[in-house]
Amino acid sequence: MRREELTEKILDIKREQFGDGIMSAIDFDLDIERLPNPKGDRVKITMSGKFLPYKYYGNEPGIADYGLKES
């Protein structure tokens, strides 16, 4: 899988879970861990950042002001 494809997949999953918005790089954590595996070591990457929903302006009636996913 190419880097662009992986990036799109991650963004799609984020949109499904949270809605339309970005993950802030302010107060952001990134952890990389090696996981031993008999078939070859694995890489575990954990990213943690605040979700900031997009703000929409000039919405039509019935369309949310923010890109938050309904719970």
PDB file of N, CA and C in Angstrom:
ATOM      1  N   MET A   1       0.845  -1.168   0.000  1.00  0.00           N
ATOM      2  CA  MET A   1       0.000   0.000   0.000  1.00  0.00           C
ATOM      3  C   MET A   1       0.897   1.240   0.000  1.00  0.00           C
ATOM      4  N   ARG A   2       0.591   2.168  -0.881  1.00  0.00           N
ATOM      5  CA  ARG A   2       1.367   3.401  -0.957  1.00  0.00           C
ATOM      6  C   ARG A   2       0.987   4.348   0.170  1.00  0.00           C
ATOM      7  N   ARG A   3       1.875   5.282   0.461  1.00  0.00           N
ATOM      8  CA  ARG A   3       1.661   6.238   1.551  1.00  0.00           C
ATOM      9  C   ARG A   3       0.365   7.021   1.364  1.00  0.00           C
ATOM     10  N   GLU A   4       0.077   7.463   0.136  1.00  0.00           N
ATOM     11  CA  GLU A   4      -1.136   8.240  -0.122  1.00  0.00           C
ATOM     12  C   GLU A   4      -2.391   7.413   0.175  1.00  0.00           C
ATOM     13  N   GLU A   5      -2.357   6.135  -0.191  1.00  0.00           N
ATOM     14  CA  GLU A   5      -3.497   5.258   0.066  1.00  0.00           C
ATOM     15  C   GLU A   5      -3.702   5.055   1.563  1.00  0.00           C
ATOM     16  N   LEU A   6      -2.609   4.856   2.287  1.00  0.00           N
ATOM     17  CA  LEU A   6      -2.701   4.672   3.735  1.00  0.00           C
ATOM     18  C   LEU A   6      -3.246   5.926   4.406  1.00  0.00           C
ATOM     19  N   THR A   7      -2.770   7.093   3.972  1.00  0.00           N
ATOM     20  CA  THR A   7      -3.258   8.356   4.529  1.00  0.00           C
ATOM     21  C   THR A   7      -4.758   8.494   4.310  1.00  0.00           C
ATOM     22  N   GLU A   8      -5.235   8.194   3.112  1.00  0.00           N
ATOM     23  CA  GLU A   8      -6.665   8.295   2.813  1.00  0.00           C
ATOM     24  C   GLU A   8      -7.483   7.339   3.677  1.00  0.00           C
ATOM     25  N   LYS A   9      -6.968   6.120   3.887  1.00  0.00           N
ATOM     26  CA  LYS A   9      -7.681   5.143   4.724  1.00  0.00           C
ATOM     27  C   LYS A   9      -7.797   5.642   6.164  1.00  0.00           C
ATOM     28  N   ILE A  10      -6.710   6.196   6.693  1.00  0.00           N
ATOM     29  CA  ILE A  10      -6.735   6.728   8.063  1.00  0.00           C
ATOM     30  C   ILE A  10      -7.740   7.874   8.161  1.00  0.00           C
ATOM     31  N   LEU A  11      -7.743   8.772   7.182  1.00  0.00           N
ATOM     32  CA  LEU A  11      -8.686   9.894   7.192  1.00  0.00           C
ATOM     33  C   LEU A  11     -10.129   9.411   7.068  1.00  0.00           C
ATOM     34  N   ASP A  12     -10.376   8.386   6.266  1.00  0.00           N
ATOM     35  CA  ASP A  12     -11.721   7.830   6.136  1.00  0.00           C
ATOM     36  C   ASP A  12     -12.218   7.267   7.463  1.00  0.00           C
ATOM     37  N   ILE A  13     -11.352   6.548   8.167  1.00  0.00           N
ATOM     38  CA  ILE A  13     -11.728   5.974   9.464  1.00  0.00           C
ATOM     39  C   ILE A  13     -11.993   7.084  10.473  1.00  0.00           C
ATOM     40  N   LYS A  14     -11.155   8.127  10.465  1.00  0.00           N
ATOM     41  CA  LYS A  14     -11.366   9.262  11.374  1.00  0.00           C
ATOM     42  C   LYS A  14     -12.708   9.920  11.097  1.00  0.00           C
ATOM     43  N   ARG A  15     -13.042  10.125   9.814  1.00  0.00           N
ATOM     44  CA  ARG A  15     -14.330  10.734   9.454  1.00  0.00           C
ATOM     45  C   ARG A  15     -15.495   9.865   9.923  1.00  0.00           C
ATOM     46  N   GLU A  16     -15.374   8.545   9.782  1.00  0.00           N
ATOM     47  CA  GLU A  16     -16.436   7.639  10.228  1.00  0.00           C
ATOM     48  C   GLU A  16     -16.651   7.731  11.732  1.00  0.00           C
ATOM     49  N   GLN A  17     -15.556   7.824  12.481  1.00  0.00           N
ATOM     50  CA  GLN A  17     -15.644   7.809  13.939  1.00  0.00           C
ATOM     51  C   GLN A  17     -16.031   9.161  14.537  1.00  0.00           C
ATOM     52  N   PHE A  18     -15.553  10.268  13.935  1.00  0.00           N
ATOM     53  CA  PHE A  18     -15.701  11.586  14.555  1.00  0.00           C
ATOM     54  C   PHE A  18     -16.507  12.578  13.731  1.00  0.00           C
ATOM     55  N   GLY A  19     -16.521  12.450  12.422  1.00  0.00           N
ATOM     56  CA  GLY A  19     -17.167  13.427  11.555  1.00  0.00           C
ATOM     57  C   GLY A  19     -16.113  14.201  10.776  1.00  0.00           C
ATOM     58  N   ASP A  20     -16.541  15.349  10.207  1.00  0.00           N
ATOM     59  CA  ASP A  20     -15.634  16.173   9.411  1.00  0.00           C
ATOM     60  C   ASP A  20     -14.847  17.107  10.319  1.00  0.00           C
ATOM     61  N   GLY A  21     -13.519  17.049  10.229  1.00  0.00           N
ATOM     62  CA  GLY A  21     -12.668  17.905  11.042  1.00  0.00           C
ATOM     63  C   GLY A  21     -11.224  17.470  10.916  1.00  0.00           C
ATOM     64  N   ILE A  22     -10.390  18.014  11.797  1.00  0.00           N
ATOM     65  CA  ILE A  22      -8.962  17.704  11.778  1.00  0.00           C
ATOM     66  C   ILE A  22      -8.508  17.248  13.160  1.00  0.00           C
ATOM     67  N   MET A  23      -7.355  16.590  13.194  1.00  0.00           N
ATOM     68  CA  MET A  23      -6.701  16.270  14.453  1.00  0.00           C
ATOM     69  C   MET A  23      -5.628  17.328  14.669  1.00  0.00           C
ATOM     70  N   SER A  24      -5.730  18.047  15.759  1.00  0.00           N
ATOM     71  CA  SER A  24      -4.814  19.143  16.042  1.00  0.00           C
ATOM     72  C   SER A  24      -3.414  18.625  16.361  1.00  0.00           C
ATOM     73  N   ALA A  25      -2.412  19.359  15.896  1.00  0.00           N
ATOM     74  CA  ALA A  25      -1.024  19.039  16.216  1.00  0.00           C
ATOM     75  C   ALA A  25      -0.579  19.734  17.496  1.00  0.00           C
ATOM     76  N   ILE A  26      -1.455  20.566  18.073  1.00  0.00           N
ATOM     77  CA  ILE A  26      -1.160  21.199  19.362  1.00  0.00           C
ATOM     78  C   ILE A  26      -1.499  20.168  20.443  1.00  0.00           C
ATOM     79  N   ASP A  27      -0.616  19.993  21.403  1.00  0.00           N
ATOM     80  CA  ASP A  27      -0.800  18.977  22.451  1.00  0.00           C
ATOM     81  C   ASP A  27      -0.987  17.598  21.810  1.00  0.00           C
ATOM     82  N   PHE A  28      -0.085  17.252  20.919  1.00  0.00           N
ATOM     83  CA  PHE A  28      -0.130  16.025  20.126  1.00  0.00           C
ATOM     84  C   PHE A  28       0.919  15.049  20.659  1.00  0.00           C
ATOM     85  N   ASP A  29       0.555  13.784  20.747  1.00  0.00           N
ATOM     86  CA  ASP A  29       1.484  12.738  21.170  1.00  0.00           C
ATOM     87  C   ASP A  29       1.625  11.705  20.060  1.00  0.00           C
ATOM     88  N   LEU A  30       2.859  11.237  19.865  1.00  0.00           N
ATOM     89  CA  LEU A  30       3.143  10.181  18.900  1.00  0.00           C
ATOM     90  C   LEU A  30       4.047   9.168  19.585  1.00  0.00           C
ATOM     91  N   ASP A  31       3.594   7.920  19.618  1.00  0.00           N
ATOM     92  CA  ASP A  31       4.388   6.844  20.205  1.00  0.00           C
ATOM     93  C   ASP A  31       4.635   5.777  19.147  1.00  0.00           C
ATOM     94  N   ILE A  32       5.865   5.285  19.088  1.00  0.00           N
ATOM     95  CA  ILE A  32       6.230   4.197  18.187  1.00  0.00           C
ATOM     96  C   ILE A  32       6.808   3.081  19.039  1.00  0.00           C
ATOM     97  N   GLU A  33       6.306   1.877  18.832  1.00  0.00           N
ATOM     98  CA  GLU A  33       6.694   0.740  19.666  1.00  0.00           C
ATOM     99  C   GLU A  33       7.039  -0.452  18.776  1.00  0.00           C
ATOM    100  N   ARG A  34       8.067  -1.188  19.164  1.00  0.00           N
ATOM    101  CA  ARG A  34       8.429  -2.428  18.476  1.00  0.00           C
ATOM    102  C   ARG A  34       7.733  -3.583  19.179  1.00  0.00           C
ATOM    103  N   LEU A  35       7.041  -4.403  18.393  1.00  0.00           N
ATOM    104  CA  LEU A  35       6.354  -5.574  18.930  1.00  0.00           C
ATOM    105  C   LEU A  35       7.016  -6.823  18.368  1.00  0.00           C
ATOM    106  N   PRO A  36       7.694  -7.591  19.219  1.00  0.00           N
ATOM    107  CA  PRO A  36       8.341  -8.811  18.737  1.00  0.00           C
ATOM    108  C   PRO A  36       7.312  -9.779  18.148  1.00  0.00           C
ATOM    109  N   ASN A  37       7.691 -10.430  17.061  1.00  0.00           N
ATOM    110  CA  ASN A  37       6.810 -11.368  16.396  1.00  0.00           C
ATOM    111  C   ASN A  37       7.688 -12.414  15.723  1.00  0.00           C
ATOM    112  N   PRO A  38       7.345 -13.699  15.852  1.00  0.00           N
ATOM    113  CA  PRO A  38       8.163 -14.743  15.237  1.00  0.00           C
ATOM    114  C   PRO A  38       8.288 -14.606  13.713  1.00  0.00           C
ATOM    115  N   LYS A  39       7.317 -13.992  13.072  1.00  0.00           N
ATOM    116  CA  LYS A  39       7.365 -13.814  11.620  1.00  0.00           C
ATOM    117  C   LYS A  39       8.093 -12.529  11.224  1.00  0.00           C
ATOM    118  N   GLY A  40       8.564 -11.794  12.191  1.00  0.00           N
ATOM    119  CA  GLY A  40       9.227 -10.511  11.946  1.00  0.00           C
ATOM    120  C   GLY A  40       8.621  -9.451  12.842  1.00  0.00           C
ATOM    121  N   ASP A  41       9.471  -8.619  13.410  1.00  0.00           N
ATOM    122  CA  ASP A  41       8.979  -7.595  14.335  1.00  0.00           C
ATOM    123  C   ASP A  41       7.938  -6.702  13.660  1.00  0.00           C
ATOM    124  N   ARG A  42       7.004  -6.217  14.471  1.00  0.00           N
ATOM    125  CA  ARG A  42       5.915  -5.362  14.004  1.00  0.00           C
ATOM    126  C   ARG A  42       6.144  -3.954  14.542  1.00  0.00           C
ATOM    127  N   VAL A  43       5.539  -2.980  13.915  1.00  0.00           N
ATOM    128  CA  VAL A  43       5.625  -1.588  14.334  1.00  0.00           C
ATOM    129  C   VAL A  43       4.230  -1.144  14.758  1.00  0.00           C
ATOM    130  N   LYS A  44       4.123  -0.597  15.970  1.00  0.00           N
ATOM    131  CA  LYS A  44       2.849  -0.062  16.461  1.00  0.00           C
ATOM    132  C   LYS A  44       3.010   1.446  16.587  1.00  0.00           C
ATOM    133  N   ILE A  45       2.170   2.190  15.882  1.00  0.00           N
ATOM    134  CA  ILE A  45       2.216   3.646  15.910  1.00  0.00           C
ATOM    135  C   ILE A  45       0.919   4.142  16.540  1.00  0.00           C
ATOM    136  N   THR A  46       1.035   4.980  17.566  1.00  0.00           N
ATOM    137  CA  THR A  46      -0.121   5.556  18.240  1.00  0.00           C
ATOM    138  C   THR A  46      -0.037   7.072  18.144  1.00  0.00           C
ATOM    139  N   MET A  47      -1.084   7.688  17.602  1.00  0.00           N
ATOM    140  CA  MET A  47      -1.165   9.141  17.526  1.00  0.00           C
ATOM    141  C   MET A  47      -2.339   9.599  18.379  1.00  0.00           C
ATOM    142  N   SER A  48      -2.131  10.671  19.134  1.00  0.00           N
ATOM    143  CA  SER A  48      -3.185  11.208  19.974  1.00  0.00           C
ATOM    144  C   SER A  48      -3.192  12.726  19.852  1.00  0.00           C
ATOM    145  N   GLY A  49      -4.303  13.265  19.389  1.00  0.00           N
ATOM    146  CA  GLY A  49      -4.449  14.708  19.258  1.00  0.00           C
ATOM    147  C   GLY A  49      -5.911  15.085  19.423  1.00  0.00           C
ATOM    148  N   LYS A  50      -6.158  16.338  19.726  1.00  0.00           N
ATOM    149  CA  LYS A  50      -7.526  16.818  19.933  1.00  0.00           C
ATOM    150  C   LYS A  50      -8.246  16.908  18.585  1.00  0.00           C
ATOM    151  N   PHE A  51      -9.492  16.438  18.551  1.00  0.00           N
ATOM    152  CA  PHE A  51     -10.305  16.546  17.345  1.00  0.00           C
ATOM    153  C   PHE A  51     -10.965  17.915  17.306  1.00  0.00           C
ATOM    154  N   LEU A  52     -10.801  18.602  16.181  1.00  0.00           N
ATOM    155  CA  LEU A  52     -11.416  19.913  15.977  1.00  0.00           C
ATOM    156  C   LEU A  52     -12.375  19.820  14.794  1.00  0.00           C
ATOM    157  N   PRO A  53     -13.688  19.882  15.064  1.00  0.00           N
ATOM    158  CA  PRO A  53     -14.655  19.771  13.969  1.00  0.00           C
ATOM    159  C   PRO A  53     -14.620  21.010  13.082  1.00  0.00           C
ATOM    160  N   TYR A  54     -14.881  20.803  11.796  1.00  0.00           N
ATOM    161  CA  TYR A  54     -15.004  21.928  10.877  1.00  0.00           C
ATOM    162  C   TYR A  54     -16.230  22.748  11.250  1.00  0.00           C
ATOM    163  N   LYS A  55     -16.157  24.046  11.076  1.00  0.00           N
ATOM    164  CA  LYS A  55     -17.295  24.947  11.268  1.00  0.00           C
ATOM    165  C   LYS A  55     -17.798  25.323   9.889  1.00  0.00           C
ATOM    166  N   TYR A  56     -19.092  25.119   9.650  1.00  0.00           N
ATOM    167  CA  TYR A  56     -19.695  25.435   8.363  1.00  0.00           C
ATOM    168  C   TYR A  56     -20.466  26.743   8.481  1.00  0.00           C
ATOM    169  N   TYR A  57     -20.361  27.577   7.481  1.00  0.00           N
ATOM    170  CA  TYR A  57     -21.034  28.874   7.460  1.00  0.00           C
ATOM    171  C   TYR A  57     -22.049  28.892   6.327  1.00  0.00           C
ATOM    172  N   GLY A  58     -23.167  29.549   6.562  1.00  0.00           N
ATOM    173  CA  GLY A  58     -24.191  29.674   5.533  1.00  0.00           C
ATOM    174  C   GLY A  58     -24.907  28.371   5.238  1.00  0.00           C
ATOM    175  N   ASN A  59     -25.100  27.554   6.268  1.00  0.00           N
ATOM    176  CA  ASN A  59     -25.768  26.262   6.068  1.00  0.00           C
ATOM    177  C   ASN A  59     -27.237  26.452   5.715  1.00  0.00           C
ATOM    178  N   GLU A  60     -27.735  25.486   4.988  1.00  0.00           N
ATOM    179  CA  GLU A  60     -29.169  25.435   4.737  1.00  0.00           C
ATOM    180  C   GLU A  60     -29.853  24.906   5.993  1.00  0.00           C
ATOM    181  N   PRO A  61     -31.149  25.184   6.174  1.00  0.00           N
ATOM    182  CA  PRO A  61     -31.860  24.660   7.349  1.00  0.00           C
ATOM    183  C   PRO A  61     -31.737  23.135   7.431  1.00  0.00           C
ATOM    184  N   GLY A  62     -31.503  22.637   8.634  1.00  0.00           N
ATOM    185  CA  GLY A  62     -31.392  21.198   8.854  1.00  0.00           C
ATOM    186  C   GLY A  62     -29.986  20.649   8.715  1.00  0.00           C
ATOM    187  N   ILE A  63     -29.021  21.486   8.320  1.00  0.00           N
ATOM    188  CA  ILE A  63     -27.634  21.044   8.198  1.00  0.00           C
ATOM    189  C   ILE A  63     -26.856  21.574   9.396  1.00  0.00           C
ATOM    190  N   ALA A  64     -26.119  20.694  10.046  1.00  0.00           N
ATOM    191  CA  ALA A  64     -25.403  21.051  11.283  1.00  0.00           C
ATOM    192  C   ALA A  64     -24.370  22.144  11.035  1.00  0.00           C
ATOM    193  N   ASP A  65     -24.114  22.957  12.088  1.00  0.00           N
ATOM    194  CA  ASP A  65     -23.109  24.012  12.012  1.00  0.00           C
ATOM    195  C   ASP A  65     -21.693  23.452  12.079  1.00  0.00           C
ATOM    196  N   TYR A  66     -21.539  22.307  12.750  1.00  0.00           N
ATOM    197  CA  TYR A  66     -20.215  21.716  12.926  1.00  0.00           C
ATOM    198  C   TYR A  66     -20.194  20.322  12.328  1.00  0.00           C
ATOM    199  N   GLY A  67     -18.974  19.836  12.037  1.00  0.00           N
ATOM    200  CA  GLY A  67     -18.803  18.526  11.421  1.00  0.00           C
ATOM    201  C   GLY A  67     -18.759  17.370  12.390  1.00  0.00           C
ATOM    202  N   LEU A  68     -19.326  17.533  13.579  1.00  0.00           N
ATOM    203  CA  LEU A  68     -19.296  16.449  14.574  1.00  0.00           C
ATOM    204  C   LEU A  68     -20.209  15.311  14.162  1.00  0.00           C
ATOM    205  N   LYS A  69     -19.759  14.087  14.404  1.00  0.00           N
ATOM    206  CA  LYS A  69     -20.567  12.908  14.140  1.00  0.00           C
ATOM    207  C   LYS A  69     -21.576  12.759  15.262  1.00  0.00           C
ATOM    208  N   GLU A  70     -22.813  12.515  14.912  1.00  0.00           N
ATOM    209  CA  GLU A  70     -23.854  12.301  15.920  1.00  0.00           C
ATOM    210  C   GLU A  70     -23.602  11.000  16.650  1.00  0.00           C
ATOM    211  N   SER A  71     -23.711  11.014  17.966  1.00  0.00           N
ATOM    212  CA  SER A  71     -23.471   9.801  18.773  1.00  0.00           C
ATOM    213  C   SER A  71     -24.691   8.925  18.809  1.00  0.00           C
TER     214      SER A  71
END
